[in-house]
Amino acid sequence: MDGNSILKRPKPTDSEEELFRMQEEFLKNKQQPSAKVINLRESTKSLNTFTAIPYNHKSFSKVKSKFSELKKLKTEDRICTSQRNGNIINPLIKEPEKNKLQDSVQNITSSKIVIGNIMEKKYDTYEFDKKKFFCYNTGFPEVFVSTDMKNDKNQSLFWQQISPKSNTSNRIKEFQKSEFLCISDKSVIVEGSWANEIHKENLERLNQMSQEDILKEKSKLEITLKPELVQFLRDKRIKKQKINKIQENDKIQEISNNEAQDQNIKSIFVKKTIIEKISNERDDSIKNNDNTMQIDNFEQNIPKSSKKLIEQAKEKGWIHMDSLEYEKLKWMEDIPAEKTNEPASDEPYNARFDFNGMLLAYKDDSISMQKGLHHHGEEPERPGYSLQELLQLTRSSTQQQRCTALITLANIIEKSRKGWYDKTLQPPPLIALSQKNLLLLLRFSLDDTSVAVITATLQALRAFLYSEEDEICLDRLYGFKNYKEPILTTSKTDVDDINNLKDHELVQLDAIAALLRTDILLRIRYILNEVRPSPVAITYALEILIRLIRHSPITTIKIANTSHLLEIIIEHFMPLSTDALATTDTINNVYGVPVVAAVRFCRILLCYGEKSVAQKLNNLKIVQRIISYITCDAGKISFNLSIESLRLWRTLLLYEEAIDSLSGAQLILISQLQLLLSNHDIQNISELSCEYAAALIAVASCLVPLKANISDLLFKWSIQLLSLDNITWGNTKLIAETLLAIKDSTVIKKLNISRSKVFSNLGSTSNLLSNCSLPIERNPSALPHLNVLTYDGQLQPIVSQQSCMPFLATVLNIFIDHSFIEEIQAILNLPQLYKYLKKLETTDWCLERSWYTRSEFSFLVAIVNATLFVEDKLDDKMMHIIWKIAIKLVSSLPADYSSNVQNMLRISLAKEKLNIKIITNELKKLNLNSNIEDIKLNLNHDVSSLYEQYITLNGKWDEAAMPKDWFYLPIVHIYTKYRNNNICNDNDKTVVLTVLSLELILPDLVEKLSQTLRFSRLILIYLCDTLYLNNDVSILLTKVVTTLVKDNYKKFNFTIDLPGLNSFTDLFTAMCEHFCSTSYGDYGFSMTLLIPITQRHDVHYRKLLWSEHVGLLRYIRLPLEQLIIPLKEYLYPFEEDTSLIENYITALVRGIVNQNWCPIPYTIALHHSAMYLKKSNKLAIRMRTRLEKISNKVLAALLLNYQLPIF
């Protein structure tokens, strides 16, 4: 290495001055370049001429070319990086290589052949025009395509193409394919003082670019820019070039006329011809779009306000306001007058909402266009946003628009859940949004990086999943006896494996399962731990988790086992210290601050997860946090925090966890109970205070030494209850919790509720008597809710402020457990209770499938059970009402009340109610055979067990344990067994006789069922093989059917849907087929088969019988005297169906029906045929003409001379 200094290599950060300085240093040092070019062709310049070689030379056989040897040397002797053009790596071998090359060329022997001197041809230098298009770029010559087609048969297409007239246009077309540069002298787009310089720079840059580069840049611009902006620039060019169009055409015409004389102006001619071609094409587009005419017209009709604005902009030199822009002024136009009139009152229209989620009127003249939410949408004359527009805005690239759309959707969902839009919007907003897969859209938005978008998404997701009203009511019910949390699972579907479903398919079946599949638990964990949003977003996230918990116990286990989720919630939102609540009025950051929603989340998680979750919470030292929250005093926030903490503590104790914590907190609990005794009077305290006292007593009841303190509180509040005029939910819940906490019967007996006004509001707070119905159409089936708000947002009466149902159920059950006969008798003899029970017995019940009605069911079950203690001390009227209520409870109680259903069945079918002697006497009157004793024995022992086997065990709360027609379940079971190819046995016959006997003697068991339903169930006995042909079954069945039909045949309606029956048509068809195959003309079956074909029912059944099953009419031998329905029901009104009349006449003429063997069908056919023949229409005349020609003249005379029967 020489002594020269090493030069520094330039860097991207070096300035221009540093680069010049480096250059000067390099030139001063005079260093050799690091790379050197070697031209091997210099050594061969002297070998351009060759001398003659003798013919007989030894090397004449074959002379190798110089090119091949040079190529061989290059590939064999050079050490390079590539066999083609790599540079030499070792510089020491350059000289030997050069010498070898010279020797190989100069040592060629001469040849005898004289071929003369071979001279290399020199070509003149040619300047290549880069702008000109050559076919070498494509690799193939251009295809000859003629675009100027003329209808000249005398000239060929080739001649037309190369003729002088078309030569110019052909060259223009060739040039136009390769010419993409701007040919104007002035810029069309850029305006202002710098326009010409910018235009020149653009032209220079375009001249340096190839055709492919221009096309690439053009495509990039078209993709990057909005289509509206591209169209705007094109329209601007069209507008300006229209002005110079005439001048350019004149110049082009002159140039084209002188083309043959002056060949030097070809380039100008081509250039101007291109201008003409482009102008003509743009003229066509102008004619098609008519944009220029619109612009000219618009310039003349600019509004005054816009004109003033433009003039002011020109005067003051506002940027981008010095020229008229048609598109922008178009958006500033006033909304045109409505094309259509306002829709009629009963005509639907598209719903639009404001940002608060309020439904806007179709038109409101009091709101101006400037103040209303008018926008350039589908209906610009109407304010507000539709659901589709809001969903589109949620995918906007602008963050503010996304947040606004998400918050607006949340407001709409909240108001829809409150019943604001029930029976107003179709489909309801929640279902419409669910069908649009809103849940998946919100899940995608939750992955956004913006905190504002995440908060808005959490608000919308919480509104869609979480029902605040339901959660409040569930909290109020917490603490009553036998309370448990509801499981909000979806109903079963035909899909066996949901794992094969896609996300958009699963979300329509089970929304919560779809969310869990998208790893929402991990995303919420990340948001809580890393994003750290605002306090309201934290609350939204915790409430979303609460709704996920209520989906199922399996989901609860998934949430509890999600890594670090529970730990993060407890660490951040359930700290040991409560100083932040006491020292800060407004909390902007809840991290490190106790959050009520977090405590409530843990309590609900514990209720569903049970023992496993209790152990996990106990391991996380949650009890220490709870005790610190109980002693906190920071206003209303700490009050709610203490209530939830006590509830969580109590739930932990129920699962036998944290038992040791009671002894350490005993002094705290004693002091709190003493404060209740001295300061807590139920006359003037709020419901929140009662909730706190009830939660405190529930925890204190786990300590035996504190029972005495609780007894003192019960004694105090029992006395205060007697003097209360306005009894509320909070008062009664506090006393109920106190009753459950103590076991001393002497203290409980002092509670005399019969003298209080607790029973005064029974009717007004009853769900069963409310005439309300559940809003089934409000929520999507994939996301069930409890719906405490019925239609129009009305609160269910049982959870109202004046409701006492849960309290009364608790008190009665405690009295039953302690066998307080006098107290029970005093309650059952209250006139208010009698009035309430009387209404329940006579009316149809409402809201049976509501979760909140369980409290009323518990109260009624307690009343029925209480009668067993005092049945000999109550009057018969009261006992009968309670017995009938027990019958109704059998089919009303939910499926998870199976034990209560069994009790109601045993009470409904008790021996005392069956009156065995009366039943036996009635059966003897029917002249039954020896089966009377079997029926008597069955009624004595097995009636209730006959039905208990059909009770649904451990079913869902929203399903009934027994159907409404539970009385006929044994018959349905026998029919199903026979349909499955099983034979009916003697035991089935005994069961049928028992059911028929009960219906005959105890009609109260089925009086609330519809008559059509009862008739359809009795028909099934005729379809159970030949069981109905048994003499005892036939007599009882005929008696039961006769009793049912004789008084209720006018109430039959075979068009309504019946449970368990696809259609009555299928049942009637089965009757016809079974009658024809097994009946032998049984009178009871014949009587039943004729009931659907009366004139008051659909003609479809008559046509079915008289056409497809006309053969069985011959076996309906039932006499007219045994018809249980009056004959006129079959004869009036007259039949109008012509096809049925033809069937009647055909059956009469062919002798299918005859008065001797089927008098009833014969009478029907004769009557309706004869009355139709008396008409004067063409068909009746033609029928009479044909009838006169039949061979049976007696029948023809009967039809033509028919006289109406007299009834």
Foldseek 3Di string as FASTA:
>chain_A
DDPDDDQDDDDPPDDPVVVVVSVVVCVVVPDDDPDDDDDLCVLCPVVQWDDAAAAPDPPNPDDDDLVVVVLVLQQPVADAPDSPDGDGDDPVCPVVSSVVSNVVRPPDGHHNDDDDRDHDDDDDDDDDDQQDDDCVVVPDDDDDDDPDDDPDPVDDPVCVCCPLVNVLVVVLVNSVVRDDADPDQFDQQDDDPCRNVVNVVRRVVVSPDGSVVVVVVVVVVVVPDDPVVVVQSVVSSLLVVVVCLVVLVVVLVVCSVCCVVDVVCSVVNSSSVNVNVVNVVVVVVCVVVVVVVVVVVCVVVQDPVLVVVLVVCCVVVPPPSVDDRPVVSVQVDDDDDDPDDDDDPPDDDFWFADLLQDTDDQDDPVADLVRFQADPDPCRRGGGDGLVRLVVQCPDPDPVSNLSSLSSLLSNLQCLLLQQCVVNDVQFPQVVCLLVVVLVSLVVQCPDPDLSSVLSSLSSLLSNFPDPVQVVLLLLPPLFPPDAAAAFEFDDDPDDDCVPPDLSVVCLAAVLVSCVVVVVLVSLQCCLPPVQHWPVSVLSSLRSLLSSVSNALVSLVVNLPDPCSLVSLCQFAQDLDQVVLAPDDDDGGRGVHHDLSSLLSLQSSCRSNPQVSLVVCVVVVNLSSLLNLLPDDRPPRSLSSNLSSLSSLLSSVVSVPPPVVCVVCVVVLVVVLVCCLVPPAPQDDDLSVLSNLLSSLSNVLVDVVCLVSLLSVLQRLLVSQLVDPQDWSSSLSSNLSSVVSHDDVVSLVVRQCLNGCLLVCLQVLAQFNPPFAASPSSHRSNRDDLSCQTHPSHGRSCSDTRHCLSSLLSSLVSCVVVVVLVSLVSNLPDPSVVVNLVVVLPDGTYPLLHPSNVSVLSNLLSNLVSCVSCVVPDDPVSVVSSLLVLLVSLFRAFLAPLVSNLVSLCSNLPPVVVPLVVLLVVLVVLVDPPCSVVLSVCSHPPPSVVQSVQFRYPDHSSHTRAHLVSLLVLLVVLLVCVVVVDADDPVSLSVLLNSLSCCVRPVSSCPPPQLQQVLLSLLSCLVRACSCVPPSNVSSSLVNVLVSCLVCLVRHDQQDDDPPDPGVVVVLVSLLVSCVPHVQLPQSSLLSNCSQQFPVHDCVSVCCCLPVRVQCLLSNQHDPVPRSDDLVSLQPPADDDVVSLVSLVVCVLVVSDDCVRRVSSVVSSLRNNLVLLPDDDPVSVVVLVVLCPRPPVVSNCCSPVPDDDDD
